[in-house]
C-alpha cells in the first residue's frame, strides 16, 4: 500500500485517543468506563497496554527492515487479540445486568483490525538481484 505508513500512524494515534473515550456505561453504579477507569480497577487499565503497544508498532512502521515488518505483524496481532478480549470483558453481563456499549469500544475493535491490516500490507521496497 502506498500510504500504509500514514494510515498506520493515524490508526495508532486514534487507538490512543479512543482509550480516553467512554467504552461502556454502567447504569447500576451510574459510571462510564474507559481504558483507564473501571470501578475499583476491576477490569484493570487496558489503555496503558494499548498505548505502549501502539508506540512500538509506530516505531516498527517506520523502520525499513524485514524483521521490523514481522515484529509489527506480531504486535498488531497482539493488539487485535487484546482488543477482542477487552471487548468481551467490558461488555459482559454480571449479576443479571448488561452494561451499555458505547462508541469507544466499537471504535477500538475497528481500529485494532485496521492496524492489523496495515501490518499485513506494509509499504516496503524490495531489492532485486
Protein backbone atom coordinates (compact mmCIF):
# COMPACT_ATOMS: atom_id res chain seq x y z
CA UNK A 1 0.00 0.00 0.00
CA UNK A 2 1.28 3.39 -0.97
CA UNK A 3 0.04 5.25 2.10
CA UNK A 4 0.23 2.45 4.66
CA UNK A 5 2.70 4.28 6.90
CA UNK A 6 0.45 7.31 7.20
CA UNK A 7 -2.71 5.26 7.58
CA UNK A 8 -0.93 3.25 10.26
CA UNK A 9 0.25 6.36 12.08
CA UNK A 10 -3.30 7.77 12.06
CA UNK A 11 -4.72 4.43 13.20
CA UNK A 12 -2.36 4.11 16.16
CA UNK A 13 -2.95 7.74 17.15
CA UNK A 14 -6.69 7.10 17.07
CA UNK A 15 -6.27 3.95 19.19
CA UNK A 16 -4.57 6.09 21.84
CA UNK A 17 -7.36 8.68 21.65
CA UNK A 18 -10.07 6.01 21.88
CA UNK A 19 -8.58 4.81 25.16
CA UNK A 20 -9.77 8.07 26.73
CA UNK A 21 -13.31 7.87 25.29
CA UNK A 22 -16.08 6.13 27.26
CA UNK A 23 -16.40 2.45 26.32
CA UNK A 24 -19.35 1.34 28.44
CA UNK A 25 -21.95 2.90 30.69
CA UNK A 26 -22.99 1.06 33.85
CA UNK A 27 -26.35 2.41 34.98
CA UNK A 28 -26.35 0.36 38.19
CA UNK A 29 -23.41 2.42 39.53
CA UNK A 30 -24.01 5.42 37.23
CA UNK A 31 -20.44 5.46 35.82
CA UNK A 32 -18.73 5.41 32.45
CA UNK A 33 -15.80 3.03 31.97
CA UNK A 34 -12.91 3.72 29.60
CA UNK A 35 -9.39 2.40 29.05
CA UNK A 36 -8.12 3.93 32.29
CA UNK A 37 -11.11 3.71 34.62
CA UNK A 38 -13.21 0.87 35.90
CA UNK A 39 -14.89 0.65 39.29
CA UNK A 40 -12.12 -0.17 41.81
CA UNK A 41 -9.89 -1.15 38.83
CA UNK A 42 -11.79 -4.41 38.48
CA UNK A 43 -11.07 -4.54 34.74
CA UNK A 44 -7.57 -3.13 35.00
CA UNK A 45 -6.22 -0.37 32.80
CA UNK A 46 -6.04 -1.71 29.24
CA UNK A 47 -5.36 1.80 27.95
CA UNK A 48 -1.76 1.53 29.18
CA UNK A 49 -1.31 -1.66 27.19
CA UNK A 50 -2.74 -0.12 24.02
CA UNK A 51 -0.56 2.99 24.32
CA UNK A 52 2.65 1.01 24.84
CA UNK A 53 2.00 -1.48 22.06
CA UNK A 54 0.78 1.22 19.66
CA UNK A 55 4.03 3.11 20.28
CA UNK A 56 6.06 0.01 19.46
CA UNK A 57 4.01 -0.52 16.29
CA UNK A 58 4.59 3.08 15.17
CA UNK A 59 8.33 2.58 15.57
CA UNK A 60 8.19 -0.69 13.62
CA UNK A 61 6.08 1.02 10.96
CA UNK A 62 8.88 3.44 10.06
CA UNK A 63 11.84 1.02 10.34
CA UNK A 64 12.53 -0.23 6.85
CA UNK A 65 13.87 -3.69 7.71
CA UNK A 66 12.24 -7.05 7.16
CA UNK A 67 12.49 -8.08 10.82
CA UNK A 68 10.65 -4.89 11.79
CA UNK A 69 7.76 -5.77 9.48
CA UNK A 70 7.40 -9.22 11.05
CA UNK A 71 7.62 -7.68 14.52
CA UNK A 72 4.94 -5.19 13.52
CA UNK A 73 2.63 -8.02 12.42
CA UNK A 74 3.22 -9.77 15.74
CA UNK A 75 2.45 -6.70 17.86
CA UNK A 76 -0.56 -5.71 15.73
CA UNK A 77 -1.90 -9.24 16.20
CA UNK A 78 -1.48 -8.92 19.94
CA UNK A 79 -3.31 -5.58 19.87
CA UNK A 80 -6.18 -7.17 17.92
CA UNK A 81 -6.39 -10.14 20.29
CA UNK A 82 -6.28 -7.90 23.36
CA UNK A 83 -8.96 -5.63 21.88
CA UNK A 84 -11.23 -8.66 21.42
CA UNK A 85 -10.54 -9.76 25.00
CA UNK A 86 -11.18 -6.24 26.28
CA UNK A 87 -14.46 -6.03 24.36
CA UNK A 88 -15.60 -9.29 25.90
CA UNK A 89 -14.52 -8.24 29.39
CA UNK A 90 -16.05 -4.75 29.36
CA UNK A 91 -19.35 -5.72 27.71
CA UNK A 92 -20.09 -8.97 29.54
CA UNK A 93 -23.14 -9.21 31.76
CA UNK A 94 -22.82 -9.51 35.52
CA UNK A 95 -25.46 -10.01 38.22
CA UNK A 96 -28.17 -10.10 35.53
CA UNK A 97 -27.09 -6.65 34.31
CA UNK A 98 -25.63 -5.81 30.90
CA UNK A 99 -23.69 -2.56 30.52
CA UNK A 100 -24.48 -0.21 27.66
CA UNK A 101 -21.88 -0.44 24.89
CA UNK A 102 -20.71 2.95 23.65
CA UNK A 103 -18.87 4.21 20.58
CA UNK A 104 -15.40 3.86 22.11
CA UNK A 105 -15.44 0.07 22.44
CA UNK A 106 -16.60 -0.37 18.84
CA UNK A 107 -14.00 2.11 17.59
CA UNK A 108 -11.31 0.19 19.46
CA UNK A 109 -12.28 -3.05 17.70
CA UNK A 110 -12.39 -1.45 14.26
CA UNK A 111 -9.11 0.41 14.70
CA UNK A 112 -7.30 -2.67 16.01
CA UNK A 113 -8.50 -4.60 12.95
CA UNK A 114 -7.30 -1.77 10.67
CA UNK A 115 -3.92 -1.78 12.44
CA UNK A 116 -3.59 -5.49 11.73
CA UNK A 117 -4.38 -4.89 8.04
CA UNK A 118 -1.78 -2.12 7.90
CA UNK A 119 0.77 -4.51 9.38
CA UNK A 120 -0.11 -7.21 6.84
CA UNK A 121 0.36 -4.90 3.85
CA UNK A 122 3.48 -2.80 4.50
CA UNK A 123 4.93 -0.22 2.15
CA UNK A 124 8.34 -1.77 1.59
CA UNK A 125 10.63 -1.72 -1.41
CA UNK A 126 12.48 -4.96 -2.10
CA UNK A 127 15.92 -5.05 -3.70
CA UNK A 128 16.20 -7.02 -6.91
CA UNK A 129 19.33 -9.03 -7.64
